[in-house]
C-alpha atoms as a PDB file:
ATOM      1  CA  MET A   1      -3.174 -36.288  28.758  1.00  0.00           C
ATOM      2  CA  GLU A   2      -0.609 -38.248  26.703  1.00  0.00           C
ATOM      3  CA  PRO A   3       2.674 -36.299  26.357  1.00  0.00           C
ATOM      4  CA  LEU A   4       3.544 -35.038  22.897  1.00  0.00           C
ATOM      5  CA  ALA A   5       6.014 -36.846  20.707  1.00  0.00           C
ATOM      6  CA  PRO A   6       9.295 -34.929  19.997  1.00  0.00           C
ATOM      7  CA  LEU A   7       8.718 -32.264  17.304  1.00  0.00           C
ATOM      8  CA  THR A   8      10.628 -33.364  14.225  1.00  0.00           C
ATOM      9  CA  GLY A   9       9.543 -30.625  11.778  1.00  0.00           C
ATOM     10  CA  LEU A  10       6.831 -28.374  10.459  1.00  0.00           C
ATOM     11  CA  ALA A  11       4.333 -28.614   7.708  1.00  0.00           C
ATOM     12  CA  LEU A  12       1.568 -26.593   5.938  1.00  0.00           C
ATOM     13  CA  GLU A  13      -1.895 -27.977   5.865  1.00  0.00           C
ATOM     14  CA  TRP A  14      -3.889 -26.852   2.870  1.00  0.00           C
ATOM     15  CA  ILE A  15      -7.294 -25.323   3.718  1.00  0.00           C
ATOM     16  CA  ASP A  16     -10.035 -25.668   1.143  1.00  0.00           C
ATOM     17  CA  VAL A  17     -11.127 -22.063   0.485  1.00  0.00           C
ATOM     18  CA  ASP A  18     -12.219 -21.116  -2.996  1.00  0.00           C
ATOM     19  CA  LEU A  19     -10.801 -17.632  -3.405  1.00  0.00           C
ATOM     20  CA  GLY A  20      -8.773 -15.877  -6.045  1.00  0.00           C
ATOM     21  CA  PHE A  21      -6.297 -13.855  -3.821  1.00  0.00           C
ATOM     22  CA  PRO A  22      -6.592 -14.638  -0.072  1.00  0.00           C
ATOM     23  CA  ILE A  23      -5.231 -11.614   1.687  1.00  0.00           C
ATOM     24  CA  LEU A  24      -5.865 -12.213   5.384  1.00  0.00           C
ATOM     25  CA  VAL A  25      -7.061 -14.892   7.813  1.00  0.00           C
ATOM     26  CA  PHE A  26      -8.659 -13.641  11.040  1.00  0.00           C
ATOM     27  CA  SER A  27     -11.119 -14.697  13.641  1.00  0.00           C
ATOM     28  CA  SER A  28     -13.935 -13.718  16.078  1.00  0.00           C
ATOM     29  CA  GLY A  29     -15.272 -15.997  18.778  1.00  0.00           C
ATOM     30  CA  SER A  30     -15.462 -19.538  17.391  1.00  0.00           C
ATOM     31  CA  GLN A  31     -15.293 -18.452  13.743  1.00  0.00           C
ATOM     32  CA  THR A  32     -12.370 -18.006  11.433  1.00  0.00           C
ATOM     33  CA  TYR A  33     -12.627 -15.985   8.255  1.00  0.00           C
ATOM     34  CA  VAL A  34     -10.722 -15.298   5.162  1.00  0.00           C
ATOM     35  CA  ALA A  35     -10.650 -12.037   3.265  1.00  0.00           C
ATOM     36  CA  ASP A  36      -9.983 -11.914  -0.478  1.00  0.00           C
ATOM     37  CA  LYS A  37      -8.437  -8.946  -2.214  1.00  0.00           C
ATOM     38  CA  SER A  38     -11.332  -8.653  -4.655  1.00  0.00           C
ATOM     39  CA  GLY A  39     -13.696  -7.508  -1.911  1.00  0.00           C
ATOM     40  CA  LEU A  40     -14.976 -10.712  -0.304  1.00  0.00           C
ATOM     41  CA  VAL A  41     -14.933 -11.925   3.274  1.00  0.00           C
ATOM     42  CA  VAL A  42     -15.960 -15.635   3.697  1.00  0.00           C
ATOM     43  CA  SER A  43     -16.265 -18.094   6.627  1.00  0.00           C
ATOM     44  CA  MET A  44     -13.452 -20.512   6.542  1.00  0.00           C
ATOM     45  CA  ASP A  45     -15.629 -22.981   8.553  1.00  0.00           C
ATOM     46  CA  THR A  46     -18.630 -22.893   6.173  1.00  0.00           C
ATOM     47  CA  GLY A  47     -17.298 -21.377   3.034  1.00  0.00           C
ATOM     48  CA  GLU A  48     -20.326 -19.012   2.988  1.00  0.00           C
ATOM     49  CA  ILE A  49     -19.792 -15.337   2.024  1.00  0.00           C
ATOM     50  CA  VAL A  50     -19.970 -12.896   4.909  1.00  0.00           C
ATOM     51  CA  LEU A  51     -19.346  -9.711   3.102  1.00  0.00           C
ATOM     52  CA  ASP A  52     -19.353  -8.937  -0.706  1.00  0.00           C
ATOM     53  CA  ILE A  53     -18.199  -5.325  -1.630  1.00  0.00           C
ATOM     54  CA  ARG A  54     -16.693  -6.197  -4.884  1.00  0.00           C
ATOM     55  CA  GLU A  55     -18.630  -3.474  -6.624  1.00  0.00           C
ATOM     56  CA  LYS A  56     -17.046  -0.885  -4.114  1.00  0.00           C
ATOM     57  CA  VAL A  57     -13.398  -2.150  -4.405  1.00  0.00           C
ATOM     58  CA  LEU A  58     -10.712  -1.091  -6.862  1.00  0.00           C
ATOM     59  CA  ASP A  59      -8.637  -4.338  -7.043  1.00  0.00           C
ATOM     60  CA  GLY A  60      -5.438  -4.090  -8.839  1.00  0.00           C
ATOM     61  CA  GLY A  61      -1.687  -4.060  -8.012  1.00  0.00           C
ATOM     62  CA  GLU A  62      -1.503  -3.083  -4.275  1.00  0.00           C
ATOM     63  CA  ARG A  63      -5.070  -1.950  -4.157  1.00  0.00           C
ATOM     64  CA  GLY A  64      -8.119  -3.950  -3.125  1.00  0.00           C
ATOM     65  CA  LEU A  65      -9.646  -5.149   0.171  1.00  0.00           C
ATOM     66  CA  LEU A  66      -6.629  -5.016   2.274  1.00  0.00           C
ATOM     67  CA  GLY A  67      -7.650  -5.699   6.014  1.00  0.00           C
ATOM     68  CA  ALA A  68     -10.518  -6.685   8.187  1.00  0.00           C
ATOM     69  CA  ALA A  69     -11.362  -7.160  11.791  1.00  0.00           C
ATOM     70  CA  PHE A  70     -14.356  -7.547  14.132  1.00  0.00           C
ATOM     71  CA  HIS A  71     -14.978  -4.939  16.743  1.00  0.00           C
ATOM     72  CA  PRO A  72     -14.417  -6.764  20.124  1.00  0.00           C
ATOM     73  CA  SER A  73     -16.915  -4.544  21.997  1.00  0.00           C
ATOM     74  CA  TYR A  74     -19.850  -5.777  19.788  1.00  0.00           C
ATOM     75  CA  ALA A  75     -21.076  -9.279  20.861  1.00  0.00           C
ATOM     76  CA  ASP A  76     -21.228 -12.166  18.442  1.00  0.00           C
ATOM     77  CA  GLY A  77     -19.136 -10.470  15.679  1.00  0.00           C
ATOM     78  CA  SER A  78     -21.912  -7.900  14.905  1.00  0.00           C
ATOM     79  CA  LEU A  79     -19.601  -5.153  13.651  1.00  0.00           C
ATOM     80  CA  LEU A  80     -17.017  -5.706  10.956  1.00  0.00           C
ATOM     81  CA  ILE A  81     -14.269  -3.141  10.142  1.00  0.00           C
ATOM     82  CA  VAL A  82     -12.845  -3.245   6.596  1.00  0.00           C
ATOM     83  CA  HIS A  83      -9.987  -1.373   5.065  1.00  0.00           C
ATOM     84  CA  TYR A  84     -10.128  -1.146   1.283  1.00  0.00           C
ATOM     85  CA  SER A  85      -9.358   0.857  -1.814  1.00  0.00           C
ATOM     86  CA  ASP A  86     -12.412   2.738  -3.083  1.00  0.00           C
ATOM     87  CA  LEU A  87     -13.097   2.882  -6.920  1.00  0.00           C
ATOM     88  CA  VAL A  88     -10.886   5.854  -7.359  1.00  0.00           C
ATOM     89  CA  GLY A  89      -8.158   4.302  -5.441  1.00  0.00           C
ATOM     90  CA  ASN A  90      -8.408   6.179  -2.042  1.00  0.00           C
ATOM     91  CA  THR A  91      -8.238   4.570   1.362  1.00  0.00           C
ATOM     92  CA  GLN A  92     -11.593   3.691   2.967  1.00  0.00           C
ATOM     93  CA  VAL A  93     -11.999   2.354   6.356  1.00  0.00           C
ATOM     94  CA  SER A  94     -15.596   1.329   7.051  1.00  0.00           C
ATOM     95  CA  SER A  95     -17.798  -0.543   9.449  1.00  0.00           C
ATOM     96  CA  PHE A  96     -20.579  -3.026   8.341  1.00  0.00           C
ATOM     97  CA  ALA A  97     -23.384  -4.477  10.519  1.00  0.00           C
ATOM     98  CA  VAL A  98     -23.370  -8.210  10.768  1.00  0.00           C
ATOM     99  CA  SER A  99     -26.386 -10.292  11.550  1.00  0.00           C
ATOM    100  CA  GLU A 100     -26.359 -14.215  11.509  1.00  0.00           C
ATOM    101  CA  ASN A 101     -22.801 -14.138  10.131  1.00  0.00           C
ATOM    102  CA  VAL A 102     -23.809 -12.002   7.079  1.00  0.00           C
ATOM    103  CA  ALA A 103     -22.784  -8.368   6.655  1.00  0.00           C
ATOM    104  CA  ASP A 104     -25.211  -6.071   4.916  1.00  0.00           C
ATOM    105  CA  PRO A 105     -23.191  -3.661   2.396  1.00  0.00           C
ATOM    106  CA  GLN A 106     -26.046  -1.130   2.852  1.00  0.00           C
ATOM    107  CA  THR A 107     -25.030  -0.651   6.497  1.00  0.00           C
ATOM    108  CA  GLU A 108     -21.624   0.817   5.572  1.00  0.00           C
ATOM    109  CA  ARG A 109     -20.520   3.600   7.845  1.00  0.00           C
ATOM    110  CA  THR A 110     -17.213   5.501   6.811  1.00  0.00           C
ATOM    111  CA  ILE A 111     -14.803   5.647   9.729  1.00  0.00           C
ATOM    112  CA  LEU A 112     -11.785   7.010   7.783  1.00  0.00           C
ATOM    113  CA  ALA A 113     -11.296   8.154   4.245  1.00  0.00           C
ATOM    114  CA  ILE A 114      -7.849   9.316   2.982  1.00  0.00           C
ATOM    115  CA  GLU A 115      -7.039  10.550  -0.489  1.00  0.00           C
ATOM    116  CA  GLN A 116      -4.214   8.498  -1.871  1.00  0.00           C
ATOM    117  CA  PRO A 117      -1.602  10.313  -4.253  1.00  0.00           C
ATOM    118  CA  ALA A 118      -0.332   7.057  -5.790  1.00  0.00           C
ATOM    119  CA  GLY A 119      -1.485   3.495  -6.196  1.00  0.00           C
ATOM    120  CA  ASN A 120       1.110   1.889  -3.968  1.00  0.00           C
ATOM    121  CA  HIS A 121       1.942   1.880  -0.286  1.00  0.00           C
ATOM    122  CA  ASN A 122      -1.651   1.744   0.943  1.00  0.00           C
ATOM    123  CA  GLY A 123      -0.855   0.023   4.257  1.00  0.00           C
ATOM    124  CA  GLY A 124      -3.841  -2.265   5.002  1.00  0.00           C
ATOM    125  CA  MET A 125      -3.792  -3.760   8.367  1.00  0.00           C
ATOM    126  CA  VAL A 126      -6.569  -3.035  10.987  1.00  0.00           C
ATOM    127  CA  GLN A 127      -6.476  -4.530  14.475  1.00  0.00           C
ATOM    128  CA  PHE A 128      -8.023  -3.893  17.816  1.00  0.00           C
ATOM    129  CA  ASP A 129      -6.357  -3.947  21.115  1.00  0.00           C
ATOM    130  CA  SER A 130      -7.906  -5.546  24.203  1.00  0.00           C
ATOM    131  CA  ALA A 131      -9.444  -2.154  25.271  1.00  0.00           C
ATOM    132  CA  GLY A 132     -11.277  -1.772  21.938  1.00  0.00           C
ATOM    133  CA  HIS A 133      -9.004   0.850  20.288  1.00  0.00           C
ATOM    134  CA  LEU A 134      -8.731   0.442  16.484  1.00  0.00           C
ATOM    135  CA  TYR A 135      -5.238   0.561  14.962  1.00  0.00           C
ATOM    136  CA  VAL A 136      -4.941   1.248  11.137  1.00  0.00           C
ATOM    137  CA  GLY A 137      -1.660   0.949   9.045  1.00  0.00           C
ATOM    138  CA  LEU A 138      -1.109   3.689   6.399  1.00  0.00           C
ATOM    139  CA  GLY A 139       1.671   3.742   3.911  1.00  0.00           C
ATOM    140  CA  ASP A 140       3.639   6.964   2.921  1.00  0.00           C
ATOM    141  CA  GLY A 141       1.505   7.693  -0.114  1.00  0.00           C
ATOM    142  CA  GLY A 142       3.413   5.726  -2.620  1.00  0.00           C
ATOM    143  CA  GLY A 143       5.932   6.351  -5.345  1.00  0.00           C
ATOM    144  CA  SER A 144       9.501   5.866  -4.098  1.00  0.00           C
ATOM    145  CA  GLY A 145      11.793   7.541  -1.800  1.00  0.00           C
ATOM    146  CA  ASP A 146       9.012   9.090   0.218  1.00  0.00           C
ATOM    147  CA  ARG A 147       8.073  11.115  -2.857  1.00  0.00           C
ATOM    148  CA  TYR A 148       5.360  13.018  -1.022  1.00  0.00           C
ATOM    149  CA  GLY A 149       7.274  13.664   2.088  1.00  0.00           C
ATOM    150  CA  ASN A 150       4.918  11.991   4.495  1.00  0.00           C
ATOM    151  CA  GLY A 151       7.291   9.699   6.324  1.00  0.00           C
ATOM    152  CA  GLN A 152       8.538  12.525   8.695  1.00  0.00           C
ATOM    153  CA  ASN A 153       5.472  14.624   8.442  1.00  0.00           C
ATOM    154  CA  LEU A 154       3.447  14.558  11.629  1.00  0.00           C
ATOM    155  CA  SER A 155       0.639  16.634  10.161  1.00  0.00           C
ATOM    156  CA  SER A 156      -0.138  13.806   7.743  1.00  0.00           C
ATOM    157  CA  LEU A 157      -1.657  10.453   8.536  1.00  0.00           C
ATOM    158  CA  LEU A 158       0.130   8.856   5.732  1.00  0.00           C
ATOM    159  CA  GLY A 159       3.295   6.955   6.828  1.00  0.00           C
ATOM    160  CA  SER A 160       1.847   5.952  10.132  1.00  0.00           C
ATOM    161  CA  ILE A 161      -0.236   3.682  12.332  1.00  0.00           C
ATOM    162  CA  VAL A 162      -3.226   5.461  13.773  1.00  0.00           C
ATOM    163  CA  ARG A 163      -5.200   4.782  16.870  1.00  0.00           C
ATOM    164  CA  LEU A 164      -8.941   5.525  16.988  1.00  0.00           C
ATOM    165  CA  GLU A 165     -12.004   5.066  19.059  1.00  0.00           C
ATOM    166  CA  VAL A 166     -14.744   3.770  16.781  1.00  0.00           C
ATOM    167  CA  SER A 167     -18.384   2.442  17.160  1.00  0.00           C
ATOM    168  CA  ASP A 168     -21.218   1.503  14.762  1.00  0.00           C
ATOM    169  CA  GLN A 169     -21.655   5.116  13.755  1.00  0.00           C
ATOM    170  CA  ALA A 170     -19.747   6.937  11.064  1.00  0.00           C
ATOM    171  CA  GLY A 171     -16.386   8.723  11.966  1.00  0.00           C
ATOM    172  CA  TYR A 172     -14.218   8.305  14.986  1.00  0.00           C
ATOM    173  CA  SER A 173     -13.004  10.033  18.152  1.00  0.00           C
ATOM    174  CA  ILE A 174      -9.403  10.487  19.278  1.00  0.00           C
ATOM    175  CA  PRO A 175      -8.374   8.474  22.489  1.00  0.00           C
ATOM    176  CA  PRO A 176      -7.306  11.006  25.034  1.00  0.00           C
ATOM    177  CA  ASP A 177      -4.159   9.196  25.785  1.00  0.00           C
ATOM    178  CA  ASN A 178      -2.867   9.211  22.120  1.00  0.00           C
ATOM    179  CA  PRO A 179       0.710  10.491  22.239  1.00  0.00           C
ATOM    180  CA  PHE A 180       0.252  13.663  20.234  1.00  0.00           C
ATOM    181  CA  VAL A 181      -3.135  14.930  21.688  1.00  0.00           C
ATOM    182  CA  GLY A 182      -2.913  18.670  22.214  1.00  0.00           C
ATOM    183  CA  ARG A 183       0.135  19.139  20.079  1.00  0.00           C
ATOM    184  CA  ALA A 184      -0.185  22.084  17.513  1.00  0.00           C
ATOM    185  CA  ASP A 185       0.291  21.108  13.896  1.00  0.00           C
ATOM    186  CA  VAL A 186       0.356  17.320  14.712  1.00  0.00           C
ATOM    187  CA  ALA A 187      -2.382  14.904  13.814  1.00  0.00           C
ATOM    188  CA  PRO A 188      -3.667  13.548  17.064  1.00  0.00           C
ATOM    189  CA  GLU A 189      -4.669  10.300  15.349  1.00  0.00           C
ATOM    190  CA  ILE A 190      -0.983   9.160  14.979  1.00  0.00           C
ATOM    191  CA  TRP A 191       0.241   6.490  17.302  1.00  0.00           C
ATOM    192  CA  LEU A 192       3.524   5.564  15.498  1.00  0.00           C
ATOM    193  CA  TRP A 193       5.222   7.319  12.567  1.00  0.00           C
ATOM    194  CA  GLY A 194       8.197   7.201  10.216  1.00  0.00           C
ATOM    195  CA  LEU A 195       6.734   4.188   8.204  1.00  0.00           C
ATOM    196  CA  ARG A 196       6.972   3.407   4.590  1.00  0.00           C
ATOM    197  CA  ASN A 197       4.400   0.748   4.127  1.00  0.00           C
ATOM    198  CA  PRO A 198       3.345  -1.143   7.359  1.00  0.00           C
ATOM    199  CA  TRP A 199       1.356  -3.851   5.357  1.00  0.00           C
ATOM    200  CA  ARG A 200       1.102  -6.157   8.392  1.00  0.00           C
ATOM    201  CA  PHE A 201       1.484  -5.570  12.122  1.00  0.00           C
ATOM    202  CA  TRP A 202       0.518  -7.513  15.116  1.00  0.00           C
ATOM    203  CA  ILE A 203      -0.427  -6.527  18.587  1.00  0.00           C
ATOM    204  CA  ASP A 204       0.599  -9.085  21.159  1.00  0.00           C
ATOM    205  CA  GLU A 205      -1.368  -8.696  24.318  1.00  0.00           C
ATOM    206  CA  VAL A 206       0.903 -11.022  26.366  1.00  0.00           C
ATOM    207  CA  THR A 207       3.934  -8.771  25.907  1.00  0.00           C
ATOM    208  CA  ASP A 208       1.857  -5.623  25.279  1.00  0.00           C
ATOM    209  CA  SER A 209       4.003  -4.823  22.173  1.00  0.00           C
ATOM    210  CA  VAL A 210       3.345  -4.324  18.572  1.00  0.00           C
ATOM    211  CA  PHE A 211       5.293  -6.160  15.857  1.00  0.00           C
ATOM    212  CA  ILE A 212       5.598  -4.351  12.519  1.00  0.00           C
ATOM    213  CA  GLY A 213       6.714  -5.530   9.157  1.00  0.00           C
ATOM    214  CA  ASP A 214       7.609  -2.358   7.262  1.00  0.00           C
ATOM    215  CA  VAL A 215       8.179  -2.823   3.484  1.00  0.00           C
ATOM    216  CA  GLY A 216      11.470  -1.411   2.365  1.00  0.00           C
ATOM    217  CA  GLN A 217      12.711   0.552  -0.692  1.00  0.00           C
ATOM    218  CA  ASN A 218      15.354  -1.019  -2.801  1.00  0.00           C
ATOM    219  CA  GLN A 219      17.669  -2.828  -0.361  1.00  0.00           C
ATOM    220  CA  TYR A 220      16.243  -3.716   3.014  1.00  0.00           C
ATOM    221  CA  GLU A 221      13.101  -5.073   4.673  1.00  0.00           C
ATOM    222  CA  GLU A 222      12.495  -4.729   8.376  1.00  0.00           C
ATOM    223  CA  VAL A 223      10.741  -5.925  11.538  1.00  0.00           C
ATOM    224  CA  SER A 224      10.347  -3.659  14.473  1.00  0.00           C
ATOM    225  CA  ILE A 225       8.998  -4.204  18.015  1.00  0.00           C
ATOM    226  CA  VAL A 226       7.431  -1.318  19.946  1.00  0.00           C
ATOM    227  CA  SER A 227       6.134  -1.560  23.392  1.00  0.00           C
ATOM    228  CA  MET A 228       2.468  -0.132  23.673  1.00  0.00           C
ATOM    229  CA  ALA A 229       3.972   2.151  26.351  1.00  0.00           C
ATOM    230  CA  ASP A 230       6.284   3.744  23.686  1.00  0.00           C
ATOM    231  CA  ALA A 231       3.398   5.408  21.672  1.00  0.00           C
ATOM    232  CA  GLY A 232       4.694   8.197  19.577  1.00  0.00           C
ATOM    233  CA  ALA A 233       7.875   6.272  18.454  1.00  0.00           C
ATOM    234  CA  ASN A 234       9.475   7.323  15.178  1.00  0.00           C
ATOM    235  CA  LEU A 235      10.572   4.280  13.145  1.00  0.00           C
ATOM    236  CA  GLY A 236      12.850   6.296  10.846  1.00  0.00           C
ATOM    237  CA  TRP A 237      11.656   6.322   7.239  1.00  0.00           C
ATOM    238  CA  PRO A 238      12.902   7.861   5.127  1.00  0.00           C
ATOM    239  CA  ILE A 239      15.918   8.792   7.155  1.00  0.00           C
ATOM    240  CA  THR A 240      16.700   5.026   7.418  1.00  0.00           C
ATOM    241  CA  GLU A 241      15.836   1.933   5.461  1.00  0.00           C
ATOM    242  CA  GLY A 242      16.247  -0.938   7.704  1.00  0.00           C
ATOM    243  CA  LEU A 243      19.395  -0.217   9.855  1.00  0.00           C
ATOM    244  CA  HIS A 244      21.080   1.800   7.077  1.00  0.00           C
ATOM    245  CA  CYS A 245      20.807   5.510   6.131  1.00  0.00           C
ATOM    246  CA  PHE A 246      18.590   6.184   3.246  1.00  0.00           C
ATOM    247  CA  SER A 247      18.147  10.004   3.165  1.00  0.00           C
ATOM    248  CA  PRO A 248      20.800  11.028   3.294  1.00  0.00           C
ATOM    249  CA  SER A 249      22.542   7.941   2.112  1.00  0.00           C
ATOM    250  CA  SER A 250      25.160   8.419   4.633  1.00  0.00           C
ATOM    251  CA  GLY A 251      25.840  10.279   7.755  1.00  0.00           C
ATOM    252  CA  CYS A 252      22.274  10.315   8.861  1.00  0.00           C
ATOM    253  CA  ASP A 253      21.307  11.077  12.434  1.00  0.00           C
ATOM    254  CA  SER A 254      19.352   8.052  13.780  1.00  0.00           C
ATOM    255  CA  SER A 255      19.348   9.335  17.359  1.00  0.00           C
ATOM    256  CA  GLY A 256      15.775   9.153  18.748  1.00  0.00           C
ATOM    257  CA  LEU A 257      14.645   6.696  16.152  1.00  0.00           C
ATOM    258  CA  THR A 258      13.217   3.155  16.924  1.00  0.00           C
ATOM    259  CA  LEU A 259      15.385   0.960  14.695  1.00  0.00           C
ATOM    260  CA  PRO A 260      14.393  -2.550  13.652  1.00  0.00           C
ATOM    261  CA  VAL A 261      15.194  -5.758  15.475  1.00  0.00           C
ATOM    262  CA  VAL A 262      15.495  -7.611  12.141  1.00  0.00           C
ATOM    263  CA  GLU A 263      16.848  -6.471   8.798  1.00  0.00           C
ATOM    264  CA  VAL A 264      16.527  -8.682   5.713  1.00  0.00           C
ATOM    265  CA  SER A 265      18.546  -7.659   2.698  1.00  0.00           C
ATOM    266  CA  HIS A 266      16.948  -7.978  -0.827  1.00  0.00           C
ATOM    267  CA  ALA A 267      20.032 -10.107  -1.568  1.00  0.00           C
ATOM    268  CA  ASP A 268      18.755 -12.695   0.891  1.00  0.00           C
ATOM    269  CA  ALA A 269      16.484 -15.245  -0.725  1.00  0.00           C
ATOM    270  CA  GLY A 270      15.252 -12.774  -3.306  1.00  0.00           C
ATOM    271  CA  SER A 271      13.455 -10.777  -0.765  1.00  0.00           C
ATOM    272  CA  CYS A 272      11.456  -7.689  -1.944  1.00  0.00           C
ATOM    273  CA  SER A 273       8.491  -7.058   0.279  1.00  0.00           C
ATOM    274  CA  ILE A 274       8.264  -8.151   3.908  1.00  0.00           C
ATOM    275  CA  THR A 275       5.149  -9.939   5.217  1.00  0.00           C
ATOM    276  CA  GLY A 276       4.834  -9.131   8.796  1.00  0.00           C
ATOM    277  CA  GLY A 277       3.460 -12.023  10.959  1.00  0.00           C
ATOM    278  CA  ILE A 278       2.154 -12.911  14.298  1.00  0.00           C
ATOM    279  CA  VAL A 279       3.235 -14.178  17.585  1.00  0.00           C
ATOM    280  CA  TYR A 280       2.335 -17.857  17.905  1.00  0.00           C
ATOM    281  CA  ARG A 281       0.160 -18.513  20.919  1.00  0.00           C
ATOM    282  CA  GLY A 282      -1.343 -21.755  19.838  1.00  0.00           C
ATOM    283  CA  THR A 283      -1.309 -25.087  21.639  1.00  0.00           C
ATOM    284  CA  ALA A 284      -0.499 -27.596  18.738  1.00  0.00           C
ATOM    285  CA  ILE A 285       3.232 -26.598  18.697  1.00  0.00           C
ATOM    286  CA  PRO A 286       4.047 -25.674  22.320  1.00  0.00           C
ATOM    287  CA  GLU A 287       7.813 -25.853  21.500  1.00  0.00           C
ATOM    288  CA  LEU A 288       7.249 -22.551  19.409  1.00  0.00           C
ATOM    289  CA  ALA A 289       5.098 -20.694  21.835  1.00  0.00           C
ATOM    290  CA  GLY A 290       6.255 -17.109  21.907  1.00  0.00           C
ATOM    291  CA  THR A 291       7.800 -17.194  18.485  1.00  0.00           C
ATOM    292  CA  TYR A 292       7.154 -14.395  16.134  1.00  0.00           C
ATOM    293  CA  PHE A 293       6.941 -15.635  12.430  1.00  0.00           C
ATOM    294  CA  PHE A 294       7.301 -13.534   9.325  1.00  0.00           C
ATOM    295  CA  SER A 295       7.934 -14.053   5.550  1.00  0.00           C
ATOM    296  CA  ASP A 296       8.480 -12.178   2.306  1.00  0.00           C
ATOM    297  CA  TYR A 297       6.098 -11.919  -0.592  1.00  0.00           C
ATOM    298  CA  CYS A 298       8.979 -12.594  -3.049  1.00  0.00           C
ATOM    299  CA  GLY A 299      11.414 -14.747  -0.890  1.00  0.00           C
ATOM    300  CA  GLY A 300       8.443 -17.104   0.259  1.00  0.00           C
ATOM    301  CA  TYR A 301      10.517 -18.066   3.286  1.00  0.00           C
ATOM    302  CA  LEU A 302       9.118 -18.875   6.832  1.00  0.00           C
ATOM    303  CA  ARG A 303      11.353 -17.479   9.466  1.00  0.00           C
ATOM    304  CA  GLY A 304      10.995 -16.650  13.169  1.00  0.00           C
ATOM    305  CA  PHE A 305      12.484 -15.590  16.444  1.00  0.00           C
ATOM    306  CA  ASP A 306      11.818 -16.272  20.012  1.00  0.00           C
ATOM    307  CA  LEU A 307      10.735 -13.177  21.751  1.00  0.00           C
ATOM    308  CA  THR A 308      13.367 -13.586  24.352  1.00  0.00           C
ATOM    309  CA  ASN A 309      16.120 -13.579  21.678  1.00  0.00           C
ATOM    310  CA  PRO A 310      15.010 -11.494  18.533  1.00  0.00           C
ATOM    311  CA  ASP A 311      18.567 -11.454  17.414  1.00  0.00           C
ATOM    312  CA  ARG A 312      18.521 -15.245  16.605  1.00  0.00           C
ATOM    313  CA  VAL A 313      16.317 -15.809  13.561  1.00  0.00           C
ATOM    314  CA  THR A 314      15.535 -19.330  12.656  1.00  0.00           C
ATOM    315  CA  ASP A 315      14.793 -20.326   8.969  1.00  0.00           C
ATOM    316  CA  TYR A 316      12.016 -22.997   8.877  1.00  0.00           C
ATOM    317  CA  THR A 317      11.740 -22.913   4.982  1.00  0.00           C
ATOM    318  CA  SER A 318      13.425 -26.127   4.352  1.00  0.00           C
ATOM    319  CA  GLN A 319      11.059 -27.999   6.740  1.00  0.00           C
ATOM    320  CA  LEU A 320       8.170 -27.022   4.569  1.00  0.00           C
ATOM    321  CA  GLY A 321       9.925 -28.367   1.451  1.00  0.00           C
ATOM    322  CA  GLY A 322      10.955 -25.034   0.153  1.00  0.00           C
ATOM    323  CA  PRO A 323       9.645 -21.489  -0.405  1.00  0.00           C
ATOM    324  CA  VAL A 324       5.931 -20.752  -0.016  1.00  0.00           C
ATOM    325  CA  GLY A 325       4.486 -18.831  -2.903  1.00  0.00           C
ATOM    326  CA  GLN A 326       3.800 -15.183  -2.216  1.00  0.00           C
ATOM    327  CA  VAL A 327       2.739 -15.063   1.268  1.00  0.00           C
ATOM    328  CA  SER A 328       0.477 -12.102   1.723  1.00  0.00           C
ATOM    329  CA  SER A 329      -0.460 -12.429   5.333  1.00  0.00           C
ATOM    330  CA  PHE A 330      -0.283 -14.335   8.581  1.00  0.00           C
ATOM    331  CA  GLY A 331      -3.282 -14.771  10.842  1.00  0.00           C
ATOM    332  CA  GLN A 332      -4.535 -16.427  13.968  1.00  0.00           C
ATOM    333  CA  GLY A 333      -7.573 -18.706  13.726  1.00  0.00           C
ATOM    334  CA  ALA A 334     -10.334 -19.248  16.226  1.00  0.00           C
ATOM    335  CA  ASP A 335      -8.402 -22.511  17.262  1.00  0.00           C
ATOM    336  CA  GLY A 336      -5.360 -20.230  18.235  1.00  0.00           C
ATOM    337  CA  GLU A 337      -3.216 -21.684  15.426  1.00  0.00           C
ATOM    338  CA  LEU A 338      -1.215 -19.823  12.787  1.00  0.00           C
ATOM    339  CA  TYR A 339      -2.478 -19.498   9.227  1.00  0.00           C
ATOM    340  CA  LEU A 340      -0.850 -18.300   6.096  1.00  0.00           C
ATOM    341  CA  ALA A 341      -2.674 -16.506   3.200  1.00  0.00           C
ATOM    342  CA  THR A 342      -0.812 -17.013   0.026  1.00  0.00           C
ATOM    343  CA  SER A 343      -1.155 -16.961  -3.753  1.00  0.00           C
ATOM    344  CA  GLN A 344      -1.578 -20.747  -3.703  1.00  0.00           C
ATOM    345  CA  GLY A 345      -4.270 -20.615  -1.043  1.00  0.00           C
ATOM    346  CA  VAL A 346      -4.696 -20.767   2.672  1.00  0.00           C
ATOM    347  CA  TYR A 347      -2.572 -23.028   5.003  1.00  0.00           C
ATOM    348  CA  ARG A 348      -2.415 -23.904   8.693  1.00  0.00           C
ATOM    349  CA  LEU A 349       1.015 -24.427  10.261  1.00  0.00           C
ATOM    350  CA  VAL A 350       1.079 -27.874  11.776  1.00  0.00           C
ATOM    351  CA  PRO A 351       3.667 -29.965  13.585  1.00  0.00           C
ATOM    352  CA  GLU A 352       5.324 -33.056  12.423  1.00  0.00           C
ATOM    353  CA  ARG A 353       6.062 -35.582  15.249  1.00  0.00           C
END
């Protein structure tokens, strides 16, 4: 094999996917897929529609089709899990049977349904670990300042990441090793709590850790890293926003909280809503293997840090020619490479040599 030429920069390669609002890039086996906020899932390889539930989805503001993942325990991508806002704005996590790369909307089975008190902070991410457990990100119920008091409420699923056992049947069961199993007045589904709006998180099997981009209130965005062994961790909202006290605004007790490894001020690059990313494990840019990338929906930057030194964040935005328009999500394709879903379309991160 010829040695690679030195890395001189990074670029974004546009992917021809005709969608209105790409919200996620994800993969199963040899196939890569793109989810659209309107309620579509399409094959990035063929452009064909895999799932169309637009008639079931309330698409507007922070609502819509928000997340999707294939169940790894079902061969050949035959079970698709989707997180969406139903027609009255409540959270719906459902499974759909898939045959020959087409999901039948009539096979929908409800896994989890949650009433939402407001239209924002819906969370959205769904991801499986290598053992087949499903993780679902749920916001604090919306409004501002944790209006509904869910951030520190262990009896509510809102403001948490939950961990479930799911199949092709309706409903779910509780993994027996979930951290709060057997605790009175605590929802046993909860895996992590104290979250405002964990729009995107990423489970990295190499480090056995989860990387969470939690959207802030008025001043700070944050990235947290939690070892899978530290299930039950409290990430602090609304006691803290980023590394700072929020409620109360000073003198808060942050002992026992898992504080972020990265804090981004809203004064930095016009930031307003962090887009948590993924750990790069591809082969096209080996120099960046083990780098966690993230962005901001308003700031449009591309930043990252090596997992061995999360305190040192590198800004790659200038290498791309400037900010990227409204990055909604990062994803890993079937080729192992990093993709961005943005308001301008879908892109693959590629090296310049």
